[in-house]
Amino acid sequence: MPLRGSSHSHMSISGEDILIYDGSQIDEETHEEIVKFCDKCIMTQFPLLDEDTELHNIVKEAQSHYRNHSKSCLKYHETLDRFEFPRSVARRTFICEPIEVDNDNDKQYTKKVNEIFTEMNATMNALEKEKMLSWSDFDTLPTKYNWNYEDYECVLRVVHTRTVIIHKREPNGRWVNQYNEEMLRVWKANMDIQFVLDTYASEKYLMSYTTKPEREKSLLFEGIHKEYREGNMSVREEMKKLTDTFFNHRQVSVQEAIYSMTKMSPTYSS
């Protein structure tokens, strides 16, 4: 996985006759076409070393999420990974539309299901420390709670509170980020490729990324204001210094600093 500040790209890709998800009211044909498109273009497999050595090594090094969650992973919750790893195991790709919770009974059921799902994940986490997970390892878990596979897919609709695509994923691929095989073989670096279900959310994410706040600059402003409060400068001097700081200081990563110092171009276009 890339280190924070590493050079990377965010982009939305479209094309002619592109499939559009328009909520749960889409017809069955469009639903199936979206699933076919995802199965064709998006992979989640962790190939065995003796099956495809090159792809195995790339997926292992570039596409596998850290099992010991980093501080960034747990940014919003002490135990829940904000990137939603490990990902759900599934025998097929499908659009997972959440079930609405309307009453107290539904809320109690949702709470119980979430507890069981968390327990299932914990069991698989413990098992994969000893061996590579297989379908037989996974199949024993739903039956423990008197679920069949169809029940398990319904549980996913309870666990996920927003519409997501559950990709066909084997038990040993729970920590693998989605990728396109042809692109990954050439790119040889991390990618997270997704079919856009919510155009607004996608564009909002891109905008929030490009306008990410710079905390270090705020600390500089705070230092200047502290000097003013202590009587070391006038209001006019403070405003002048704040303006100068705003236009001439910017928080950069180590990687970007190296780009600047070595006169390397940080952007390219064709």
C-alpha atoms as a PDB file:
ATOM      1  CA  MET A   1       0.000   0.000   0.000  1.00  0.00           C
ATOM      2  CA  PRO A   2       1.295   3.531  -0.728  1.00  0.00           C
ATOM      3  CA  LEU A   3       2.817   5.639   2.024  1.00  0.00           C
ATOM      4  CA  ARG A   4       0.989   8.824   2.972  1.00  0.00           C
ATOM      5  CA  GLY A   5       2.040  11.614   0.613  1.00  0.00           C
ATOM      6  CA  SER A   6       3.173   9.287  -2.163  1.00  0.00           C
ATOM      7  CA  SER A   7       2.478  10.426  -5.706  1.00  0.00           C
ATOM      8  CA  HIS A   8      -0.840   9.018  -6.859  1.00  0.00           C
ATOM      9  CA  SER A   9      -3.874   9.849  -8.964  1.00  0.00           C
ATOM     10  CA  HIS A  10      -7.608  10.120  -8.418  1.00  0.00           C
ATOM     11  CA  MET A  11      -9.829  10.043 -11.458  1.00  0.00           C
ATOM     12  CA  SER A  12     -13.275   9.224 -12.715  1.00  0.00           C
ATOM     13  CA  ILE A  13     -13.439   7.398 -16.036  1.00  0.00           C
ATOM     14  CA  SER A  14     -16.433   7.355 -18.338  1.00  0.00           C
ATOM     15  CA  GLY A  15     -17.130   6.350 -21.909  1.00  0.00           C
ATOM     16  CA  GLU A  16     -19.734   5.767 -24.570  1.00  0.00           C
ATOM     17  CA  ASP A  17     -22.744   3.651 -23.625  1.00  0.00           C
ATOM     18  CA  ILE A  18     -21.577   3.660 -20.024  1.00  0.00           C
ATOM     19  CA  LEU A  19     -23.831   1.883 -17.561  1.00  0.00           C
ATOM     20  CA  ILE A  20     -25.453   4.095 -14.937  1.00  0.00           C
ATOM     21  CA  TYR A  21     -26.857   2.952 -11.630  1.00  0.00           C
ATOM     22  CA  ASP A  22     -29.982   4.949 -10.877  1.00  0.00           C
ATOM     23  CA  GLY A  23     -31.084   3.556  -7.559  1.00  0.00           C
ATOM     24  CA  SER A  24     -33.085   0.459  -6.741  1.00  0.00           C
ATOM     25  CA  GLN A  25     -35.575   1.253  -9.513  1.00  0.00           C
ATOM     26  CA  ILE A  26     -33.195   0.122 -12.278  1.00  0.00           C
ATOM     27  CA  ASP A  27     -34.446  -2.773 -14.362  1.00  0.00           C
ATOM     28  CA  GLU A  28     -33.078  -6.282 -14.000  1.00  0.00           C
ATOM     29  CA  GLU A  29     -31.267  -6.144 -17.346  1.00  0.00           C
ATOM     30  CA  THR A  30     -29.259  -3.051 -16.357  1.00  0.00           C
ATOM     31  CA  HIS A  31     -28.552  -4.641 -12.992  1.00  0.00           C
ATOM     32  CA  GLU A  32     -27.121  -7.733 -14.686  1.00  0.00           C
ATOM     33  CA  GLU A  33     -25.100  -5.654 -17.156  1.00  0.00           C
ATOM     34  CA  ILE A  34     -23.465  -3.721 -14.308  1.00  0.00           C
ATOM     35  CA  VAL A  35     -22.559  -6.990 -12.598  1.00  0.00           C
ATOM     36  CA  LYS A  36     -21.121  -8.402 -15.845  1.00  0.00           C
ATOM     37  CA  PHE A  37     -19.106  -5.228 -16.381  1.00  0.00           C
ATOM     38  CA  CYS A  38     -17.680  -5.435 -12.853  1.00  0.00           C
ATOM     39  CA  ASP A  39     -16.804  -9.114 -13.222  1.00  0.00           C
ATOM     40  CA  LYS A  40     -15.029  -8.349 -16.487  1.00  0.00           C
ATOM     41  CA  CYS A  41     -13.049  -5.292 -15.362  1.00  0.00           C
ATOM     42  CA  ILE A  42     -12.598  -5.574 -11.595  1.00  0.00           C
ATOM     43  CA  MET A  43     -10.712  -8.373  -9.874  1.00  0.00           C
ATOM     44  CA  THR A  44     -10.318  -9.333  -6.215  1.00  0.00           C
ATOM     45  CA  GLN A  45      -8.378 -12.587  -6.512  1.00  0.00           C
ATOM     46  CA  PHE A  46      -5.166 -13.328  -4.661  1.00  0.00           C
ATOM     47  CA  PRO A  47      -3.569 -15.763  -7.142  1.00  0.00           C
ATOM     48  CA  LEU A  48      -1.432 -18.568  -5.780  1.00  0.00           C
ATOM     49  CA  LEU A  49       2.317 -18.318  -6.261  1.00  0.00           C
ATOM     50  CA  ASP A  50       2.509 -21.407  -8.469  1.00  0.00           C
ATOM     51  CA  GLU A  51      -0.457 -20.265 -10.604  1.00  0.00           C
ATOM     52  CA  ASP A  52       0.799 -16.800 -11.554  1.00  0.00           C
ATOM     53  CA  THR A  53       4.034 -15.749  -9.874  1.00  0.00           C
ATOM     54  CA  GLU A  54       4.111 -12.232 -11.314  1.00  0.00           C
ATOM     55  CA  LEU A  55       0.534 -11.322 -10.402  1.00  0.00           C
ATOM     56  CA  HIS A  56       0.828 -13.011  -7.002  1.00  0.00           C
ATOM     57  CA  ASN A  57       3.819 -10.851  -6.096  1.00  0.00           C
ATOM     58  CA  ILE A  58       2.229  -7.613  -7.330  1.00  0.00           C
ATOM     59  CA  VAL A  59      -1.020  -8.261  -5.449  1.00  0.00           C
ATOM     60  CA  LYS A  60       0.891  -9.235  -2.320  1.00  0.00           C
ATOM     61  CA  GLU A  61       3.110  -6.144  -2.375  1.00  0.00           C
ATOM     62  CA  ALA A  62       0.788  -3.492  -3.834  1.00  0.00           C
ATOM     63  CA  GLN A  63      -2.832  -4.579  -3.387  1.00  0.00           C
ATOM     64  CA  SER A  64      -2.930  -6.208   0.042  1.00  0.00           C
ATOM     65  CA  HIS A  65      -4.172  -4.114   2.941  1.00  0.00           C
ATOM     66  CA  TYR A  66      -2.237  -4.224   6.208  1.00  0.00           C
ATOM     67  CA  ARG A  67      -3.768  -6.728   8.606  1.00  0.00           C
ATOM     68  CA  ASN A  68      -2.514  -4.641  11.522  1.00  0.00           C
ATOM     69  CA  HIS A  69      -4.575  -1.525  10.907  1.00  0.00           C
ATOM     70  CA  SER A  70      -2.641   1.736  10.802  1.00  0.00           C
ATOM     71  CA  LYS A  71      -3.596   4.907  12.659  1.00  0.00           C
ATOM     72  CA  SER A  72      -5.094   6.223   9.422  1.00  0.00           C
ATOM     73  CA  CYS A  73      -7.305   3.117   9.070  1.00  0.00           C
ATOM     74  CA  LEU A  74      -8.811   3.702  12.511  1.00  0.00           C
ATOM     75  CA  LYS A  75      -9.113   7.462  12.080  1.00  0.00           C
ATOM     76  CA  TYR A  76     -12.857   7.593  12.800  1.00  0.00           C
ATOM     77  CA  HIS A  77     -13.360   4.501  14.964  1.00  0.00           C
ATOM     78  CA  GLU A  78     -11.172   2.528  17.355  1.00  0.00           C
ATOM     79  CA  THR A  79     -12.016  -0.869  15.862  1.00  0.00           C
ATOM     80  CA  LEU A  80     -13.625  -0.275  12.441  1.00  0.00           C
ATOM     81  CA  ASP A  81     -11.356   0.177   9.437  1.00  0.00           C
ATOM     82  CA  ARG A  82     -12.549   3.221   7.459  1.00  0.00           C
ATOM     83  CA  PHE A  83     -11.496   1.477   4.242  1.00  0.00           C
ATOM     84  CA  GLU A  84     -13.814  -1.420   5.168  1.00  0.00           C
ATOM     85  CA  PHE A  85     -11.183  -4.136   5.446  1.00  0.00           C
ATOM     86  CA  PRO A  86     -11.419  -7.052   5.631  1.00  0.00           C
ATOM     87  CA  ARG A  87     -13.868  -7.125   2.721  1.00  0.00           C
ATOM     88  CA  SER A  88     -16.859  -9.444   2.577  1.00  0.00           C
ATOM     89  CA  VAL A  89     -16.462 -12.893   1.060  1.00  0.00           C
ATOM     90  CA  ALA A  90     -18.954 -13.622  -1.735  1.00  0.00           C
ATOM     91  CA  ARG A  91     -19.574 -16.347  -4.305  1.00  0.00           C
ATOM     92  CA  ARG A  92     -20.935 -13.852  -6.821  1.00  0.00           C
ATOM     93  CA  THR A  93     -20.894 -10.142  -7.599  1.00  0.00           C
ATOM     94  CA  PHE A  94     -24.091  -8.265  -6.803  1.00  0.00           C
ATOM     95  CA  ILE A  95     -25.380  -4.791  -5.981  1.00  0.00           C
ATOM     96  CA  CYS A  96     -25.998  -4.803  -2.249  1.00  0.00           C
ATOM     97  CA  GLU A  97     -28.898  -2.479  -1.482  1.00  0.00           C
ATOM     98  CA  PRO A  98     -29.492  -1.959   2.262  1.00  0.00           C
ATOM     99  CA  ILE A  99     -32.650  -3.126   3.973  1.00  0.00           C
ATOM    100  CA  GLU A 100     -34.600  -0.299   5.574  1.00  0.00           C
ATOM    101  CA  VAL A 101     -34.972  -0.424   9.346  1.00  0.00           C
ATOM    102  CA  ASP A 102     -38.474   0.752  10.240  1.00  0.00           C
ATOM    103  CA  ASN A 103     -39.210  -0.382  13.788  1.00  0.00           C
ATOM    104  CA  ASP A 104     -37.692  -1.514  17.083  1.00  0.00           C
ATOM    105  CA  ASN A 105     -37.796  -5.187  16.102  1.00  0.00           C
ATOM    106  CA  ASP A 106     -35.792  -4.406  12.972  1.00  0.00           C
ATOM    107  CA  LYS A 107     -33.290  -2.438  15.055  1.00  0.00           C
ATOM    108  CA  GLN A 108     -32.843  -5.347  17.458  1.00  0.00           C
ATOM    109  CA  TYR A 109     -32.400  -7.752  14.553  1.00  0.00           C
ATOM    110  CA  THR A 110     -29.876  -5.417  12.929  1.00  0.00           C
ATOM    111  CA  LYS A 111     -27.898  -5.183  16.157  1.00  0.00           C
ATOM    112  CA  LYS A 112     -27.839  -8.964  16.564  1.00  0.00           C
ATOM    113  CA  VAL A 113     -26.824  -9.535  12.939  1.00  0.00           C
ATOM    114  CA  ASN A 114     -23.984  -7.022  13.207  1.00  0.00           C
ATOM    115  CA  GLU A 115     -22.691  -8.768  16.323  1.00  0.00           C
ATOM    116  CA  ILE A 116     -22.737 -12.145  14.562  1.00  0.00           C
ATOM    117  CA  PHE A 117     -21.071 -10.697  11.462  1.00  0.00           C
ATOM    118  CA  THR A 118     -18.325  -9.171  13.623  1.00  0.00           C
ATOM    119  CA  GLU A 119     -17.857 -12.544  15.312  1.00  0.00           C
ATOM    120  CA  MET A 120     -17.588 -14.275  11.922  1.00  0.00           C
ATOM    121  CA  ASN A 121     -14.898 -11.832  10.814  1.00  0.00           C
ATOM    122  CA  ALA A 122     -12.996 -12.329  14.063  1.00  0.00           C
ATOM    123  CA  THR A 123     -13.097 -16.098  13.547  1.00  0.00           C
ATOM    124  CA  MET A 124     -11.735 -15.778  10.011  1.00  0.00           C
ATOM    125  CA  ASN A 125      -9.061 -13.346  11.213  1.00  0.00           C
ATOM    126  CA  ALA A 126      -7.906 -15.918  13.748  1.00  0.00           C
ATOM    127  CA  LEU A 127      -7.998 -18.777  11.244  1.00  0.00           C
ATOM    128  CA  GLU A 128      -5.956 -16.994   8.598  1.00  0.00           C
ATOM    129  CA  LYS A 129      -3.105 -16.535  11.063  1.00  0.00           C
ATOM    130  CA  GLU A 130      -2.686 -20.306  10.922  1.00  0.00           C
ATOM    131  CA  LYS A 131      -3.374 -21.022   7.232  1.00  0.00           C
ATOM    132  CA  MET A 132      -4.700 -19.683   3.942  1.00  0.00           C
ATOM    133  CA  LEU A 133      -8.487 -19.539   4.107  1.00  0.00           C
ATOM    134  CA  SER A 134     -10.545 -21.709   1.768  1.00  0.00           C
ATOM    135  CA  TRP A 135     -14.235 -22.008   0.950  1.00  0.00           C
ATOM    136  CA  SER A 136     -14.582 -24.911   3.382  1.00  0.00           C
ATOM    137  CA  ASP A 137     -13.400 -22.613   6.197  1.00  0.00           C
ATOM    138  CA  PHE A 138     -15.963 -20.004   5.233  1.00  0.00           C
ATOM    139  CA  ASP A 139     -18.860 -22.417   4.686  1.00  0.00           C
ATOM    140  CA  THR A 140     -18.763 -23.657   8.272  1.00  0.00           C
ATOM    141  CA  LEU A 141     -19.419 -20.171   9.654  1.00  0.00           C
ATOM    142  CA  PRO A 142     -22.943 -19.408   8.332  1.00  0.00           C
ATOM    143  CA  THR A 143     -24.128 -22.907   9.282  1.00  0.00           C
ATOM    144  CA  LYS A 144     -22.974 -22.245  12.840  1.00  0.00           C
ATOM    145  CA  TYR A 145     -25.729 -19.619  13.044  1.00  0.00           C
ATOM    146  CA  ASN A 146     -28.260 -21.679  11.058  1.00  0.00           C
ATOM    147  CA  TRP A 147     -27.782 -19.566   7.944  1.00  0.00           C
ATOM    148  CA  ASN A 148     -27.487 -20.770   4.375  1.00  0.00           C
ATOM    149  CA  TYR A 149     -25.605 -18.755   1.766  1.00  0.00           C
ATOM    150  CA  GLU A 150     -28.739 -16.849   0.708  1.00  0.00           C
ATOM    151  CA  ASP A 151     -29.233 -15.807   4.331  1.00  0.00           C
ATOM    152  CA  TYR A 152     -25.636 -14.609   4.395  1.00  0.00           C
ATOM    153  CA  GLU A 153     -26.237 -12.335   1.399  1.00  0.00           C
ATOM    154  CA  CYS A 154     -29.299 -10.904   3.161  1.00  0.00           C
ATOM    155  CA  VAL A 155     -27.098 -10.257   6.190  1.00  0.00           C
ATOM    156  CA  LEU A 156     -24.771  -8.217   3.978  1.00  0.00           C
ATOM    157  CA  ARG A 157     -27.763  -6.040   3.095  1.00  0.00           C
ATOM    158  CA  VAL A 158     -28.292  -5.436   6.805  1.00  0.00           C
ATOM    159  CA  VAL A 159     -24.639  -4.795   7.630  1.00  0.00           C
ATOM    160  CA  HIS A 160     -24.103  -2.292   4.809  1.00  0.00           C
ATOM    161  CA  THR A 161     -26.061   0.897   5.405  1.00  0.00           C
ATOM    162  CA  ARG A 162     -25.461   2.303   1.918  1.00  0.00           C
ATOM    163  CA  THR A 163     -25.618   0.743  -1.516  1.00  0.00           C
ATOM    164  CA  VAL A 164     -22.338  -0.958  -2.421  1.00  0.00           C
ATOM    165  CA  ILE A 165     -21.153  -3.524  -4.905  1.00  0.00           C
ATOM    166  CA  ILE A 166     -20.156  -6.774  -3.252  1.00  0.00           C
ATOM    167  CA  HIS A 167     -17.567  -8.290  -5.560  1.00  0.00           C
ATOM    168  CA  LYS A 168     -17.065 -11.984  -6.057  1.00  0.00           C
ATOM    169  CA  ARG A 169     -14.322 -12.663  -3.539  1.00  0.00           C
ATOM    170  CA  GLU A 170     -12.670 -15.812  -2.257  1.00  0.00           C
ATOM    171  CA  PRO A 171     -11.898 -16.195   1.457  1.00  0.00           C
ATOM    172  CA  ASN A 172      -8.170 -15.632   0.884  1.00  0.00           C
ATOM    173  CA  GLY A 173      -8.909 -12.316  -0.856  1.00  0.00           C
ATOM    174  CA  ARG A 174     -10.519 -10.508   2.085  1.00  0.00           C
ATOM    175  CA  TRP A 175      -7.589  -8.077   2.341  1.00  0.00           C
ATOM    176  CA  VAL A 176      -7.152  -7.503  -1.400  1.00  0.00           C
ATOM    177  CA  ASN A 177      -8.119  -4.160  -2.881  1.00  0.00           C
ATOM    178  CA  GLN A 178     -10.042  -4.228  -6.170  1.00  0.00           C
ATOM    179  CA  TYR A 179      -7.872  -4.070  -9.279  1.00  0.00           C
ATOM    180  CA  ASN A 180      -7.899  -4.476 -13.033  1.00  0.00           C
ATOM    181  CA  GLU A 181      -5.490  -7.245 -13.956  1.00  0.00           C
ATOM    182  CA  GLU A 182      -4.174  -5.761 -17.205  1.00  0.00           C
ATOM    183  CA  MET A 183      -3.657  -2.333 -15.654  1.00  0.00           C
ATOM    184  CA  LEU A 184      -2.028  -3.766 -12.533  1.00  0.00           C
ATOM    185  CA  ARG A 185       0.514  -5.781 -14.510  1.00  0.00           C
ATOM    186  CA  VAL A 186       1.656  -2.561 -16.197  1.00  0.00           C
ATOM    187  CA  TRP A 187       1.173  -0.137 -13.296  1.00  0.00           C
ATOM    188  CA  LYS A 188       2.746  -2.441 -10.676  1.00  0.00           C
ATOM    189  CA  ALA A 189       1.452  -0.230  -7.878  1.00  0.00           C
ATOM    190  CA  ASN A 190      -1.622   0.092  -5.709  1.00  0.00           C
ATOM    191  CA  MET A 191      -4.999   0.870  -7.243  1.00  0.00           C
ATOM    192  CA  ASP A 192      -8.556   0.980  -5.944  1.00  0.00           C
ATOM    193  CA  ILE A 193     -10.933   0.632  -8.864  1.00  0.00           C
ATOM    194  CA  GLN A 194     -14.668   0.918  -8.243  1.00  0.00           C
ATOM    195  CA  PHE A 195     -17.861   1.145 -10.240  1.00  0.00           C
ATOM    196  CA  VAL A 196     -19.510   4.459  -9.334  1.00  0.00           C
ATOM    197  CA  LEU A 197     -22.957   3.954  -7.859  1.00  0.00           C
ATOM    198  CA  ASP A 198     -23.340   7.519  -6.569  1.00  0.00           C
ATOM    199  CA  THR A 199     -21.975  10.182  -8.936  1.00  0.00           C
ATOM    200  CA  TYR A 200     -22.432  12.985  -6.428  1.00  0.00           C
ATOM    201  CA  ALA A 201     -20.540  11.100  -3.702  1.00  0.00           C
ATOM    202  CA  SER A 202     -17.711  10.363  -6.138  1.00  0.00           C
ATOM    203  CA  GLU A 203     -17.279  13.990  -7.188  1.00  0.00           C
ATOM    204  CA  LYS A 204     -17.616  15.157  -3.586  1.00  0.00           C
ATOM    205  CA  TYR A 205     -14.798  12.804  -2.603  1.00  0.00           C
ATOM    206  CA  LEU A 206     -12.542  14.139  -5.357  1.00  0.00           C
ATOM    207  CA  MET A 207     -13.249  17.736  -4.336  1.00  0.00           C
ATOM    208  CA  SER A 208     -12.688  17.040  -0.637  1.00  0.00           C
ATOM    209  CA  TYR A 209      -9.373  15.435  -1.523  1.00  0.00           C
ATOM    210  CA  THR A 210      -8.172  18.421  -3.547  1.00  0.00           C
ATOM    211  CA  THR A 211      -9.261  20.854  -0.817  1.00  0.00           C
ATOM    212  CA  LYS A 212      -7.897  18.860   2.118  1.00  0.00           C
ATOM    213  CA  PRO A 213      -7.031  21.173   5.034  1.00  0.00           C
ATOM    214  CA  GLU A 214      -3.397  21.814   5.937  1.00  0.00           C
ATOM    215  CA  ARG A 215      -3.165  21.511   9.705  1.00  0.00           C
ATOM    216  CA  GLU A 216       0.432  22.714   9.931  1.00  0.00           C
ATOM    217  CA  LYS A 217      -0.503  26.047   8.357  1.00  0.00           C
ATOM    218  CA  SER A 218      -3.184  26.515  11.008  1.00  0.00           C
ATOM    219  CA  LEU A 219      -0.523  26.028  13.671  1.00  0.00           C
ATOM    220  CA  LEU A 220       1.553  28.789  12.056  1.00  0.00           C
ATOM    221  CA  PHE A 221      -1.462  31.115  12.154  1.00  0.00           C
ATOM    222  CA  GLU A 222      -1.998  30.235  15.798  1.00  0.00           C
ATOM    223  CA  GLY A 223       1.623  31.097  16.602  1.00  0.00           C
ATOM    224  CA  ILE A 224       1.329  34.496  14.926  1.00  0.00           C
ATOM    225  CA  HIS A 225      -1.892  35.264  16.773  1.00  0.00           C
ATOM    226  CA  LYS A 226      -0.249  34.245  20.049  1.00  0.00           C
ATOM    227  CA  GLU A 227       2.495  36.815  19.438  1.00  0.00           C
ATOM    228  CA  TYR A 228      -0.188  39.459  18.906  1.00  0.00           C
ATOM    229  CA  ARG A 229      -1.994  38.520  22.123  1.00  0.00           C
ATOM    230  CA  GLU A 230       1.257  38.788  24.040  1.00  0.00           C
ATOM    231  CA  GLY A 231       1.673  42.340  22.770  1.00  0.00           C
ATOM    232  CA  ASN A 232       4.637  41.718  20.505  1.00  0.00           C
ATOM    233  CA  MET A 233       2.991  43.205  17.406  1.00  0.00           C
ATOM    234  CA  SER A 234       0.192  45.513  16.334  1.00  0.00           C
ATOM    235  CA  VAL A 235      -3.008  44.454  14.575  1.00  0.00           C
ATOM    236  CA  ARG A 236      -1.608  45.779  11.297  1.00  0.00           C
ATOM    237  CA  GLU A 237       1.608  43.792  11.724  1.00  0.00           C
ATOM    238  CA  GLU A 238      -0.377  40.676  12.608  1.00  0.00           C
ATOM    239  CA  MET A 239      -2.566  40.931   9.491  1.00  0.00           C
ATOM    240  CA  LYS A 240       0.485  41.514   7.305  1.00  0.00           C
ATOM    241  CA  LYS A 241       2.243  38.487   8.761  1.00  0.00           C
ATOM    242  CA  LEU A 242      -0.872  36.309   8.461  1.00  0.00           C
ATOM    243  CA  THR A 243      -1.237  37.305   4.807  1.00  0.00           C
ATOM    244  CA  ASP A 244       2.418  36.564   4.118  1.00  0.00           C
ATOM    245  CA  THR A 245       2.134  33.178   5.834  1.00  0.00           C
ATOM    246  CA  PHE A 246      -1.022  32.298   3.919  1.00  0.00           C
ATOM    247  CA  PHE A 247       0.517  32.963   0.507  1.00  0.00           C
ATOM    248  CA  ASN A 248       4.053  31.693   1.146  1.00  0.00           C
ATOM    249  CA  HIS A 249       3.670  28.616   3.336  1.00  0.00           C
ATOM    250  CA  ARG A 250       2.179  25.270   2.441  1.00  0.00           C
ATOM    251  CA  GLN A 251       2.250  21.842   4.035  1.00  0.00           C
ATOM    252  CA  VAL A 252       3.918  19.269   1.778  1.00  0.00           C
ATOM    253  CA  SER A 253       4.843  15.625   2.116  1.00  0.00           C
ATOM    254  CA  VAL A 254       8.437  14.400   2.058  1.00  0.00           C
ATOM    255  CA  GLN A 255       7.860  13.084  -1.453  1.00  0.00           C
ATOM    256  CA  GLU A 256       6.609  16.427  -2.767  1.00  0.00           C
ATOM    257  CA  ALA A 257       9.511  18.231  -1.099  1.00  0.00           C
ATOM    258  CA  ILE A 258      11.940  15.949  -2.954  1.00  0.00           C
ATOM    259  CA  TYR A 259      10.134  16.664  -6.233  1.00  0.00           C
ATOM    260  CA  SER A 260      10.561  20.407  -5.630  1.00  0.00           C
ATOM    261  CA  MET A 261      14.200  20.209  -4.536  1.00  0.00           C
ATOM    262  CA  THR A 262      15.208  18.075  -7.519  1.00  0.00           C
ATOM    263  CA  LYS A 263      13.158  20.170  -9.992  1.00  0.00           C
ATOM    264  CA  MET A 264      11.112  17.130 -11.014  1.00  0.00           C
ATOM    265  CA  SER A 265       7.733  17.844 -12.544  1.00  0.00           C
ATOM    266  CA  PRO A 266       4.963  16.640 -10.195  1.00  0.00           C
ATOM    267  CA  THR A 267       2.394  16.451 -13.003  1.00  0.00           C
ATOM    268  CA  TYR A 268       2.279  14.954 -16.468  1.00  0.00           C
ATOM    269  CA  SER A 269      -0.304  15.075 -19.204  1.00  0.00           C
ATOM    270  CA  SER A 270      -0.668  13.491 -22.604  1.00  0.00           C
END
